Amino acid sequence: MEEVRNCLRSMPKEARELYLNNSVPYLDGSLSPLQFYRDWISPNKPCIIRNAFSDWPALSKWNPAYLRDVVGSKVISVAVTPNGYADAVNGDRFVIPEERQMTFSSLLDIIEGKEKSNGVFYVQKQCSNLTEELPELTGDVQTHIPWMSEALGKLPDAVNFWLGEEHAVTSMHKDHYENLYCVISGEKRFILIPPTDRPFIPYELYQPATYKQKQDGSFEIVDEEDSEKVPWIPLDPLNPDLERYPSYRLAQPLYCTVKAGEMLYLPSLWFHHVRQSHGCIAVNFWYDMDYDIKYNYFQLVESLTGAVGSV
């Protein structure tokens, strides 16, 4: 087992020596599909692209007045939590947000401070909510990124719209998608950890539950009966408990801020934690990853990490 631990500790170091960057690089404008695939998708490295969607009308149009006029009466799905942490560990539970149906104008009233409400509100439904719930806005953006679609030979599985309060936080997790994250207004602050650091990332099993707001405005946590336990990351990278999770000391996160008009390429299987400025608006494109040998190797590393425990 000790030999396996030594291998798991040395692999991330080798990855940094061979190909990973010490920070997230900036590109000025998108590359050709082939060049982007060779330089970023194939080696599984993130980058921030400037001027990749400078022709989108959304950059100048999407303010509260315009959104009220175009989609103000539309009913959308909004995640509501007491603390801003949706899909996150709370004590011995993995808690998902209360999903509330409300008009877009009602949400804007809360974000702009015109209405007071307990809880933190965040449009974060990840089922292509832009095209499914807000199709009136698709003319202001693109429903896919042509050079990415050509590079991958497929269209995105989902195009998601994001809008929320500054206290809304996305807890550390990974996705099986090649993600292009476009900030329309405000800024997003990402903490990124490469898949090769998986041996340093703790996972535990949690009873799934859901937040429910009571009539007095407080929240209760309601267990999902007859549900299997959910594996999730209990560590908060903003305040890591290094006594409980000492292996995290060996992780080397990257920090980046994606501003309005910038696009983050977030490769598949990268761990990420996200915060935002108040009222930040973003659109992201999820392209399904290729389940090739890289995925097989990651699954092997994940299995070995689980077998040996802390490295």
C-alpha atoms as a PDB file:
ATOM      1  CA  MET A   1       0.000   0.000   0.000  1.00  0.00           C
ATOM      2  CA  GLU A   2       2.853   2.401   0.791  1.00  0.00           C
ATOM      3  CA  GLU A   3       4.256   1.957  -2.708  1.00  0.00           C
ATOM      4  CA  VAL A   4       0.851   2.864  -4.157  1.00  0.00           C
ATOM      5  CA  ARG A   5       0.693   5.949  -1.913  1.00  0.00           C
ATOM      6  CA  ASN A   6       4.126   7.029  -3.123  1.00  0.00           C
ATOM      7  CA  CYS A   7       3.007   6.674  -6.740  1.00  0.00           C
ATOM      8  CA  LEU A   8      -0.156   8.685  -6.089  1.00  0.00           C
ATOM      9  CA  ARG A   9       1.902  11.431  -4.439  1.00  0.00           C
ATOM     10  CA  SER A  10       4.458  11.590  -7.265  1.00  0.00           C
ATOM     11  CA  MET A  11       1.977  11.595 -10.171  1.00  0.00           C
ATOM     12  CA  PRO A  12       0.686  15.189  -9.594  1.00  0.00           C
ATOM     13  CA  LYS A  13       4.256  16.463  -9.343  1.00  0.00           C
ATOM     14  CA  GLU A  14       5.136  14.823 -12.657  1.00  0.00           C
ATOM     15  CA  ALA A  15       2.035  16.315 -14.287  1.00  0.00           C
ATOM     16  CA  ARG A  16       3.130  19.823 -13.280  1.00  0.00           C
ATOM     17  CA  GLU A  17       6.631  19.212 -14.545  1.00  0.00           C
ATOM     18  CA  LEU A  18       5.415  17.818 -17.861  1.00  0.00           C
ATOM     19  CA  TYR A  19       2.481  19.938 -18.995  1.00  0.00           C
ATOM     20  CA  LEU A  20       0.403  21.805 -16.403  1.00  0.00           C
ATOM     21  CA  ASN A  21       0.657  25.580 -16.072  1.00  0.00           C
ATOM     22  CA  ASN A  22       1.236  27.427 -12.779  1.00  0.00           C
ATOM     23  CA  SER A  23      -1.602  29.821 -13.586  1.00  0.00           C
ATOM     24  CA  VAL A  24      -4.511  30.000 -16.003  1.00  0.00           C
ATOM     25  CA  PRO A  25      -3.216  31.533 -19.266  1.00  0.00           C
ATOM     26  CA  TYR A  26      -5.065  34.139 -21.331  1.00  0.00           C
ATOM     27  CA  LEU A  27      -5.689  33.869 -25.066  1.00  0.00           C
ATOM     28  CA  ASP A  28      -6.643  36.858 -27.184  1.00  0.00           C
ATOM     29  CA  GLY A  29      -9.423  35.559 -29.389  1.00  0.00           C
ATOM     30  CA  SER A  30     -10.383  32.002 -30.201  1.00  0.00           C
ATOM     31  CA  LEU A  31      -8.068  29.636 -32.037  1.00  0.00           C
ATOM     32  CA  SER A  32      -8.879  27.404 -34.967  1.00  0.00           C
ATOM     33  CA  PRO A  33     -10.759  24.237 -33.952  1.00  0.00           C
ATOM     34  CA  LEU A  34      -7.710  22.052 -34.625  1.00  0.00           C
ATOM     35  CA  GLN A  35      -5.324  24.352 -32.755  1.00  0.00           C
ATOM     36  CA  PHE A  36      -7.633  24.624 -29.754  1.00  0.00           C
ATOM     37  CA  TYR A  37      -8.022  20.859 -29.614  1.00  0.00           C
ATOM     38  CA  ARG A  38      -4.278  20.300 -29.801  1.00  0.00           C
ATOM     39  CA  ASP A  39      -3.270  23.004 -27.328  1.00  0.00           C
ATOM     40  CA  TRP A  40      -6.021  22.820 -24.693  1.00  0.00           C
ATOM     41  CA  ILE A  41      -8.623  20.040 -25.036  1.00  0.00           C
ATOM     42  CA  SER A  42      -6.254  17.142 -25.680  1.00  0.00           C
ATOM     43  CA  PRO A  43      -3.819  18.053 -22.854  1.00  0.00           C
ATOM     44  CA  ASN A  44      -6.785  18.889 -20.566  1.00  0.00           C
ATOM     45  CA  LYS A  45      -5.607  22.401 -19.612  1.00  0.00           C
ATOM     46  CA  PRO A  46      -7.779  25.432 -18.749  1.00  0.00           C
ATOM     47  CA  CYS A  47      -7.455  28.863 -20.318  1.00  0.00           C
ATOM     48  CA  ILE A  48      -9.309  32.179 -20.390  1.00  0.00           C
ATOM     49  CA  ILE A  49     -10.195  33.510 -23.822  1.00  0.00           C
ATOM     50  CA  ARG A  50     -10.729  37.206 -24.431  1.00  0.00           C
ATOM     51  CA  ASN A  51     -12.835  38.533 -27.323  1.00  0.00           C
ATOM     52  CA  ALA A  52     -14.302  35.091 -28.007  1.00  0.00           C
ATOM     53  CA  PHE A  53     -17.901  36.350 -28.069  1.00  0.00           C
ATOM     54  CA  SER A  54     -17.512  40.115 -28.482  1.00  0.00           C
ATOM     55  CA  ASP A  55     -20.253  40.106 -31.141  1.00  0.00           C
ATOM     56  CA  TRP A  56     -22.960  38.879 -28.758  1.00  0.00           C
ATOM     57  CA  PRO A  57     -25.734  41.476 -28.289  1.00  0.00           C
ATOM     58  CA  ALA A  58     -26.145  40.144 -24.726  1.00  0.00           C
ATOM     59  CA  LEU A  59     -22.996  42.003 -23.650  1.00  0.00           C
ATOM     60  CA  SER A  60     -24.731  45.351 -24.141  1.00  0.00           C
ATOM     61  CA  LYS A  61     -28.388  44.358 -23.802  1.00  0.00           C
ATOM     62  CA  TRP A  62     -28.648  42.170 -20.710  1.00  0.00           C
ATOM     63  CA  ASN A  63     -29.396  44.696 -17.986  1.00  0.00           C
ATOM     64  CA  PRO A  64     -32.334  44.487 -15.536  1.00  0.00           C
ATOM     65  CA  ALA A  65     -34.585  46.771 -17.599  1.00  0.00           C
ATOM     66  CA  TYR A  66     -34.087  44.725 -20.770  1.00  0.00           C
ATOM     67  CA  LEU A  67     -34.527  41.397 -18.998  1.00  0.00           C
ATOM     68  CA  ARG A  68     -37.732  42.609 -17.335  1.00  0.00           C
ATOM     69  CA  ASP A  69     -39.089  43.667 -20.703  1.00  0.00           C
ATOM     70  CA  VAL A  70     -38.188  40.483 -22.588  1.00  0.00           C
ATOM     71  CA  VAL A  71     -38.574  37.698 -19.993  1.00  0.00           C
ATOM     72  CA  GLY A  72     -39.925  39.419 -16.889  1.00  0.00           C
ATOM     73  CA  SER A  73     -43.188  37.460 -16.933  1.00  0.00           C
ATOM     74  CA  LYS A  74     -41.524  34.104 -17.607  1.00  0.00           C
ATOM     75  CA  VAL A  75     -41.639  31.560 -14.771  1.00  0.00           C
ATOM     76  CA  ILE A  76     -38.192  30.094 -14.100  1.00  0.00           C
ATOM     77  CA  SER A  77     -36.598  27.624 -11.696  1.00  0.00           C
ATOM     78  CA  VAL A  78     -34.581  29.284  -8.925  1.00  0.00           C
ATOM     79  CA  ALA A  79     -32.421  27.553  -6.310  1.00  0.00           C
ATOM     80  CA  VAL A  80     -33.028  28.886  -2.790  1.00  0.00           C
ATOM     81  CA  THR A  81     -30.787  28.119   0.200  1.00  0.00           C
ATOM     82  CA  PRO A  82     -30.302  29.655   3.653  1.00  0.00           C
ATOM     83  CA  ASN A  83     -26.572  30.228   3.200  1.00  0.00           C
ATOM     84  CA  GLY A  84     -25.816  30.302  -0.540  1.00  0.00           C
ATOM     85  CA  TYR A  85     -24.411  26.779  -0.633  1.00  0.00           C
ATOM     86  CA  ALA A  86     -26.481  24.692  -3.044  1.00  0.00           C
ATOM     87  CA  ASP A  87     -25.517  21.062  -3.667  1.00  0.00           C
ATOM     88  CA  ALA A  88     -23.122  21.041  -0.739  1.00  0.00           C
ATOM     89  CA  VAL A  89     -22.266  19.295   2.519  1.00  0.00           C
ATOM     90  CA  ASN A  90     -23.999  20.579   5.656  1.00  0.00           C
ATOM     91  CA  GLY A  91     -22.983  18.584   8.719  1.00  0.00           C
ATOM     92  CA  ASP A  92     -23.676  14.931   7.940  1.00  0.00           C
ATOM     93  CA  ARG A  93     -25.965  15.680   4.988  1.00  0.00           C
ATOM     94  CA  PHE A  94     -25.528  16.471   1.301  1.00  0.00           C
ATOM     95  CA  VAL A  95     -28.173  19.134   0.811  1.00  0.00           C
ATOM     96  CA  ILE A  96     -29.632  20.346  -2.461  1.00  0.00           C
ATOM     97  CA  PRO A  97     -31.529  23.654  -2.699  1.00  0.00           C
ATOM     98  CA  GLU A  98     -35.233  24.219  -2.621  1.00  0.00           C
ATOM     99  CA  GLU A  99     -36.257  24.639  -6.236  1.00  0.00           C
ATOM    100  CA  ARG A 100     -38.735  27.482  -6.457  1.00  0.00           C
ATOM    101  CA  GLN A 101     -40.826  28.554  -9.424  1.00  0.00           C
ATOM    102  CA  MET A 102     -41.021  32.336  -9.733  1.00  0.00           C
ATOM    103  CA  THR A 103     -41.188  35.003 -12.381  1.00  0.00           C
ATOM    104  CA  PHE A 104     -37.972  36.499 -13.666  1.00  0.00           C
ATOM    105  CA  SER A 105     -39.121  39.945 -12.494  1.00  0.00           C
ATOM    106  CA  SER A 106     -39.645  38.631  -8.954  1.00  0.00           C
ATOM    107  CA  LEU A 107     -36.083  37.334  -8.912  1.00  0.00           C
ATOM    108  CA  LEU A 108     -34.759  40.680 -10.172  1.00  0.00           C
ATOM    109  CA  ASP A 109     -36.691  42.433  -7.389  1.00  0.00           C
ATOM    110  CA  ILE A 110     -34.765  40.379  -4.835  1.00  0.00           C
ATOM    111  CA  ILE A 111     -31.377  40.800  -6.511  1.00  0.00           C
ATOM    112  CA  GLU A 112     -31.878  44.563  -6.881  1.00  0.00           C
ATOM    113  CA  GLY A 113     -32.980  44.887  -3.251  1.00  0.00           C
ATOM    114  CA  LYS A 114     -36.525  45.985  -4.079  1.00  0.00           C
ATOM    115  CA  GLU A 115     -37.929  43.009  -2.187  1.00  0.00           C
ATOM    116  CA  LYS A 116     -36.540  41.438   0.966  1.00  0.00           C
ATOM    117  CA  SER A 117     -36.553  37.698   1.320  1.00  0.00           C
ATOM    118  CA  ASN A 118     -34.851  35.187   3.578  1.00  0.00           C
ATOM    119  CA  GLY A 119     -32.421  32.961   1.780  1.00  0.00           C
ATOM    120  CA  VAL A 120     -30.007  33.241  -1.122  1.00  0.00           C
ATOM    121  CA  PHE A 121     -31.398  33.032  -4.659  1.00  0.00           C
ATOM    122  CA  TYR A 122     -29.536  31.624  -7.655  1.00  0.00           C
ATOM    123  CA  VAL A 123     -30.591  30.654 -11.178  1.00  0.00           C
ATOM    124  CA  GLN A 124     -28.438  27.569 -11.637  1.00  0.00           C
ATOM    125  CA  LYS A 125     -30.630  24.848 -13.097  1.00  0.00           C
ATOM    126  CA  GLN A 126     -28.278  22.835 -15.272  1.00  0.00           C
ATOM    127  CA  CYS A 127     -30.614  21.275 -17.819  1.00  0.00           C
ATOM    128  CA  SER A 128     -30.113  23.724 -20.682  1.00  0.00           C
ATOM    129  CA  ASN A 129     -32.335  26.237 -18.899  1.00  0.00           C
ATOM    130  CA  LEU A 130     -31.392  28.990 -21.370  1.00  0.00           C
ATOM    131  CA  THR A 131     -32.925  27.171 -24.322  1.00  0.00           C
ATOM    132  CA  GLU A 132     -35.684  25.451 -22.313  1.00  0.00           C
ATOM    133  CA  GLU A 133     -36.872  28.206 -19.963  1.00  0.00           C
ATOM    134  CA  LEU A 134     -35.604  31.413 -21.592  1.00  0.00           C
ATOM    135  CA  PRO A 135     -35.607  30.843 -25.369  1.00  0.00           C
ATOM    136  CA  GLU A 136     -36.461  34.531 -25.877  1.00  0.00           C
ATOM    137  CA  LEU A 137     -32.862  35.351 -24.928  1.00  0.00           C
ATOM    138  CA  THR A 138     -31.126  32.950 -27.309  1.00  0.00           C
ATOM    139  CA  GLY A 139     -31.087  35.505 -30.109  1.00  0.00           C
ATOM    140  CA  ASP A 140     -28.665  37.599 -28.013  1.00  0.00           C
ATOM    141  CA  VAL A 141     -26.073  34.809 -27.752  1.00  0.00           C
ATOM    142  CA  GLN A 142     -25.132  31.647 -29.617  1.00  0.00           C
ATOM    143  CA  THR A 143     -26.697  28.285 -28.888  1.00  0.00           C
ATOM    144  CA  HIS A 144     -23.343  26.627 -29.487  1.00  0.00           C
ATOM    145  CA  ILE A 145     -19.764  27.754 -30.029  1.00  0.00           C
ATOM    146  CA  PRO A 146     -18.980  26.877 -33.665  1.00  0.00           C
ATOM    147  CA  TRP A 147     -15.230  26.359 -33.286  1.00  0.00           C
ATOM    148  CA  MET A 148     -15.727  24.188 -30.177  1.00  0.00           C
ATOM    149  CA  SER A 149     -18.467  22.165 -31.844  1.00  0.00           C
ATOM    150  CA  GLU A 150     -16.150  21.546 -34.796  1.00  0.00           C
ATOM    151  CA  ALA A 151     -13.202  20.691 -32.567  1.00  0.00           C
ATOM    152  CA  LEU A 152     -15.222  18.076 -30.669  1.00  0.00           C
ATOM    153  CA  GLY A 153     -17.455  16.931 -33.521  1.00  0.00           C
ATOM    154  CA  LYS A 154     -20.619  17.443 -31.502  1.00  0.00           C
ATOM    155  CA  LEU A 155     -23.078  20.059 -30.246  1.00  0.00           C
ATOM    156  CA  PRO A 156     -23.353  20.929 -26.544  1.00  0.00           C
ATOM    157  CA  ASP A 157     -25.540  18.779 -24.328  1.00  0.00           C
ATOM    158  CA  ALA A 158     -26.736  21.874 -22.466  1.00  0.00           C
ATOM    159  CA  VAL A 159     -26.635  25.672 -22.613  1.00  0.00           C
ATOM    160  CA  ASN A 160     -27.160  27.098 -19.132  1.00  0.00           C
ATOM    161  CA  PHE A 161     -28.068  30.566 -17.861  1.00  0.00           C
ATOM    162  CA  TRP A 162     -26.681  31.726 -14.492  1.00  0.00           C
ATOM    163  CA  LEU A 163     -27.806  34.702 -12.391  1.00  0.00           C
ATOM    164  CA  GLY A 164     -27.606  35.156  -8.659  1.00  0.00           C
ATOM    165  CA  GLU A 165     -26.574  36.914  -5.506  1.00  0.00           C
ATOM    166  CA  GLU A 166     -22.993  37.345  -4.349  1.00  0.00           C
ATOM    167  CA  HIS A 167     -23.501  34.901  -1.475  1.00  0.00           C
ATOM    168  CA  ALA A 168     -24.325  32.070  -3.891  1.00  0.00           C
ATOM    169  CA  VAL A 169     -21.428  29.616  -3.913  1.00  0.00           C
ATOM    170  CA  THR A 170     -20.808  26.497  -5.973  1.00  0.00           C
ATOM    171  CA  SER A 171     -19.058  23.946  -3.759  1.00  0.00           C
ATOM    172  CA  MET A 172     -16.015  22.034  -4.973  1.00  0.00           C
ATOM    173  CA  HIS A 173     -16.900  19.337  -7.508  1.00  0.00           C
ATOM    174  CA  LYS A 174     -16.037  18.029 -10.976  1.00  0.00           C
ATOM    175  CA  ASP A 175     -18.087  17.520 -14.143  1.00  0.00           C
ATOM    176  CA  HIS A 176     -17.872  15.093 -17.053  1.00  0.00           C
ATOM    177  CA  TYR A 177     -18.081  17.958 -19.535  1.00  0.00           C
ATOM    178  CA  GLU A 178     -15.833  20.205 -21.595  1.00  0.00           C
ATOM    179  CA  ASN A 179     -17.129  23.506 -20.285  1.00  0.00           C
ATOM    180  CA  LEU A 180     -17.037  26.935 -21.953  1.00  0.00           C
ATOM    181  CA  TYR A 181     -18.095  29.471 -19.332  1.00  0.00           C
ATOM    182  CA  CYS A 182     -18.943  32.944 -20.688  1.00  0.00           C
ATOM    183  CA  VAL A 183     -19.415  35.870 -18.299  1.00  0.00           C
ATOM    184  CA  ILE A 184     -21.870  38.464 -19.616  1.00  0.00           C
ATOM    185  CA  SER A 185     -21.751  40.920 -16.700  1.00  0.00           C
ATOM    186  CA  GLY A 186     -19.952  41.030 -13.357  1.00  0.00           C
ATOM    187  CA  GLU A 187     -17.288  38.445 -12.619  1.00  0.00           C
ATOM    188  CA  LYS A 188     -16.829  34.846 -11.505  1.00  0.00           C
ATOM    189  CA  ARG A 189     -14.030  33.735  -9.189  1.00  0.00           C
ATOM    190  CA  PHE A 190     -12.847  30.159  -9.741  1.00  0.00           C
ATOM    191  CA  ILE A 191     -10.641  27.842  -7.733  1.00  0.00           C
ATOM    192  CA  LEU A 192      -9.409  25.086 -10.059  1.00  0.00           C
ATOM    193  CA  ILE A 193      -7.636  21.842  -9.164  1.00  0.00           C
ATOM    194  CA  PRO A 194      -6.430  19.421 -11.867  1.00  0.00           C
ATOM    195  CA  PRO A 195      -7.674  15.820 -12.000  1.00  0.00           C
ATOM    196  CA  THR A 196      -4.137  14.628 -11.257  1.00  0.00           C
ATOM    197  CA  ASP A 197      -4.550  16.079  -7.739  1.00  0.00           C
ATOM    198  CA  ARG A 198      -7.411  13.634  -7.071  1.00  0.00           C
ATOM    199  CA  PRO A 199      -5.337  11.780  -4.411  1.00  0.00           C
ATOM    200  CA  PHE A 200      -5.394  14.959  -2.295  1.00  0.00           C
ATOM    201  CA  ILE A 201      -9.141  15.620  -2.583  1.00  0.00           C
ATOM    202  CA  PRO A 202     -11.275  14.039   0.166  1.00  0.00           C
ATOM    203  CA  TYR A 203     -14.600  12.388  -0.549  1.00  0.00           C
ATOM    204  CA  GLU A 204     -17.127  11.092   1.968  1.00  0.00           C
ATOM    205  CA  LEU A 205     -20.612   9.576   1.731  1.00  0.00           C
ATOM    206  CA  TYR A 206     -23.619  11.630   2.826  1.00  0.00           C
ATOM    207  CA  GLN A 207     -27.321  11.197   3.339  1.00  0.00           C
ATOM    208  CA  PRO A 208     -29.046  13.261   0.593  1.00  0.00           C
ATOM    209  CA  ALA A 209     -31.473  15.942   1.750  1.00  0.00           C
ATOM    210  CA  THR A 210     -33.246  19.090   0.540  1.00  0.00           C
ATOM    211  CA  TYR A 211     -33.701  22.565   2.008  1.00  0.00           C
ATOM    212  CA  LYS A 212     -37.319  23.553   2.638  1.00  0.00           C
ATOM    213  CA  GLN A 213     -38.324  27.047   3.709  1.00  0.00           C
ATOM    214  CA  LYS A 214     -40.932  27.165   6.460  1.00  0.00           C
ATOM    215  CA  GLN A 215     -43.708  29.726   6.874  1.00  0.00           C
ATOM    216  CA  ASP A 216     -41.660  31.728   9.395  1.00  0.00           C
ATOM    217  CA  GLY A 217     -38.880  32.133   6.784  1.00  0.00           C
ATOM    218  CA  SER A 218     -36.422  29.725   8.377  1.00  0.00           C
ATOM    219  CA  PHE A 219     -35.129  26.638   6.594  1.00  0.00           C
ATOM    220  CA  GLU A 220     -35.307  22.994   7.532  1.00  0.00           C
ATOM    221  CA  ILE A 221     -33.381  20.079   6.080  1.00  0.00           C
ATOM    222  CA  VAL A 222     -35.596  17.243   4.890  1.00  0.00           C
ATOM    223  CA  ASP A 223     -34.002  13.845   4.212  1.00  0.00           C
ATOM    224  CA  GLU A 224     -34.678  12.119   0.921  1.00  0.00           C
ATOM    225  CA  GLU A 225     -36.064   8.807   2.078  1.00  0.00           C
ATOM    226  CA  ASP A 226     -34.888   5.532   0.518  1.00  0.00           C
ATOM    227  CA  SER A 227     -32.044   7.294  -1.311  1.00  0.00           C
ATOM    228  CA  GLU A 228     -28.503   5.999  -1.612  1.00  0.00           C
ATOM    229  CA  LYS A 229     -25.739   8.004   0.024  1.00  0.00           C
ATOM    230  CA  VAL A 230     -24.029  10.613  -2.148  1.00  0.00           C
ATOM    231  CA  PRO A 231     -20.227  10.861  -2.481  1.00  0.00           C
ATOM    232  CA  TRP A 232     -19.179  14.501  -2.161  1.00  0.00           C
ATOM    233  CA  ILE A 233     -16.211  16.678  -1.233  1.00  0.00           C
ATOM    234  CA  PRO A 234     -16.545  17.916   2.366  1.00  0.00           C
ATOM    235  CA  LEU A 235     -13.603  20.294   2.153  1.00  0.00           C
ATOM    236  CA  ASP A 236     -14.083  24.053   1.695  1.00  0.00           C
ATOM    237  CA  PRO A 237     -11.069  25.357  -0.270  1.00  0.00           C
ATOM    238  CA  LEU A 238     -11.647  28.834   1.177  1.00  0.00           C
ATOM    239  CA  ASN A 239     -11.090  27.476   4.696  1.00  0.00           C
ATOM    240  CA  PRO A 240      -9.725  23.930   4.452  1.00  0.00           C
ATOM    241  CA  ASP A 241      -9.637  21.818   7.610  1.00  0.00           C
ATOM    242  CA  LEU A 242      -6.083  20.596   7.226  1.00  0.00           C
ATOM    243  CA  GLU A 243      -6.103  18.717  10.511  1.00  0.00           C
ATOM    244  CA  ARG A 244      -8.954  16.557   9.255  1.00  0.00           C
ATOM    245  CA  TYR A 245      -7.752  16.443   5.640  1.00  0.00           C
ATOM    246  CA  PRO A 246      -3.945  16.786   5.791  1.00  0.00           C
ATOM    247  CA  SER A 247      -3.408  15.456   2.249  1.00  0.00           C
ATOM    248  CA  TYR A 248      -4.999  18.620   0.868  1.00  0.00           C
ATOM    249  CA  ARG A 249      -1.777  20.442   1.787  1.00  0.00           C
ATOM    250  CA  LEU A 250      -0.242  18.780  -1.271  1.00  0.00           C
ATOM    251  CA  ALA A 251      -2.881  20.108  -3.671  1.00  0.00           C
ATOM    252  CA  GLN A 252      -1.939  23.140  -5.745  1.00  0.00           C
ATOM    253  CA  PRO A 253      -5.078  25.055  -6.703  1.00  0.00           C
ATOM    254  CA  LEU A 254      -5.175  27.645  -9.463  1.00  0.00           C
ATOM    255  CA  TYR A 255      -7.104  30.876  -8.840  1.00  0.00           C
ATOM    256  CA  CYS A 256      -8.624  32.948 -11.599  1.00  0.00           C
ATOM    257  CA  THR A 257     -11.247  35.642 -12.093  1.00  0.00           C
ATOM    258  CA  VAL A 258     -13.324  35.599 -15.272  1.00  0.00           C
ATOM    259  CA  LYS A 259     -14.656  39.045 -16.102  1.00  0.00           C
ATOM    260  CA  ALA A 260     -17.418  40.291 -18.396  1.00  0.00           C
ATOM    261  CA  GLY A 261     -16.610  39.455 -22.021  1.00  0.00           C
ATOM    262  CA  GLU A 262     -14.231  36.629 -21.076  1.00  0.00           C
ATOM    263  CA  MET A 263     -14.666  32.892 -21.604  1.00  0.00           C
ATOM    264  CA  LEU A 264     -13.143  30.205 -19.384  1.00  0.00           C
ATOM    265  CA  TYR A 265     -12.376  26.841 -20.911  1.00  0.00           C
ATOM    266  CA  LEU A 266     -12.819  24.488 -17.951  1.00  0.00           C
ATOM    267  CA  PRO A 267     -11.689  21.006 -19.005  1.00  0.00           C
ATOM    268  CA  SER A 268     -13.539  17.859 -18.043  1.00  0.00           C
ATOM    269  CA  LEU A 269     -12.816  16.330 -14.623  1.00  0.00           C
ATOM    270  CA  TRP A 270     -11.159  19.475 -13.210  1.00  0.00           C
ATOM    271  CA  PHE A 271     -12.329  20.206  -9.681  1.00  0.00           C
ATOM    272  CA  HIS A 272     -13.763  23.683  -9.331  1.00  0.00           C
ATOM    273  CA  HIS A 273     -15.265  25.994  -6.719  1.00  0.00           C
ATOM    274  CA  VAL A 274     -17.068  29.157  -7.866  1.00  0.00           C
ATOM    275  CA  ARG A 275     -18.054  32.500  -6.357  1.00  0.00           C
ATOM    276  CA  GLN A 276     -19.427  35.573  -8.089  1.00  0.00           C
ATOM    277  CA  SER A 277     -20.108  39.278  -7.869  1.00  0.00           C
ATOM    278  CA  HIS A 278     -23.657  40.312  -7.007  1.00  0.00           C
ATOM    279  CA  GLY A 279     -26.016  40.007  -9.963  1.00  0.00           C
ATOM    280  CA  CYS A 280     -23.404  38.361 -12.182  1.00  0.00           C
ATOM    281  CA  ILE A 281     -24.858  36.913 -15.396  1.00  0.00           C
ATOM    282  CA  ALA A 282     -23.210  34.077 -17.298  1.00  0.00           C
ATOM    283  CA  VAL A 283     -23.935  31.482 -19.971  1.00  0.00           C
ATOM    284  CA  ASN A 284     -22.089  28.200 -20.217  1.00  0.00           C
ATOM    285  CA  PHE A 285     -21.902  25.406 -22.765  1.00  0.00           C
ATOM    286  CA  TRP A 286     -21.538  21.795 -21.664  1.00  0.00           C
ATOM    287  CA  TYR A 287     -20.022  19.468 -24.245  1.00  0.00           C
ATOM    288  CA  ASP A 288     -19.971  15.821 -23.208  1.00  0.00           C
ATOM    289  CA  MET A 289     -16.425  14.577 -22.659  1.00  0.00           C
ATOM    290  CA  ASP A 290     -14.916  11.706 -24.606  1.00  0.00           C
ATOM    291  CA  TYR A 291     -14.835   8.585 -22.461  1.00  0.00           C
ATOM    292  CA  ASP A 292     -11.441   7.535 -23.715  1.00  0.00           C
ATOM    293  CA  ILE A 293      -8.225   6.296 -22.126  1.00  0.00           C
ATOM    294  CA  LYS A 294      -7.836   9.512 -20.100  1.00  0.00           C
ATOM    295  CA  TYR A 295     -11.140   8.784 -18.408  1.00  0.00           C
ATOM    296  CA  ASN A 296     -10.012   5.188 -17.772  1.00  0.00           C
ATOM    297  CA  TYR A 297      -6.807   6.400 -16.155  1.00  0.00           C
ATOM    298  CA  PHE A 298      -8.693   8.883 -14.001  1.00  0.00           C
ATOM    299  CA  GLN A 299     -11.039   6.127 -12.839  1.00  0.00           C
ATOM    300  CA  LEU A 300      -7.994   4.033 -11.932  1.00  0.00           C
ATOM    301  CA  VAL A 301      -6.488   6.870  -9.893  1.00  0.00           C
ATOM    302  CA  GLU A 302      -9.841   7.419  -8.174  1.00  0.00           C
ATOM    303  CA  SER A 303     -10.130   3.719  -7.314  1.00  0.00           C
ATOM    304  CA  LEU A 304      -6.581   3.533  -5.990  1.00  0.00           C
ATOM    305  CA  THR A 305      -7.111   6.656  -3.908  1.00  0.00           C
ATOM    306  CA  GLY A 306     -10.207   5.139  -2.390  1.00  0.00           C
ATOM    307  CA  ALA A 307      -8.386   1.877  -1.700  1.00  0.00           C
ATOM    308  CA  VAL A 308      -5.406   3.394   0.148  1.00  0.00           C
ATOM    309  CA  GLY A 309      -7.245   6.216   1.900  1.00  0.00           C
ATOM    310  CA  SER A 310      -5.230   9.300   2.797  1.00  0.00           C
ATOM    311  CA  VAL A 311      -1.949   9.704   0.914  1.00  0.00           C
END
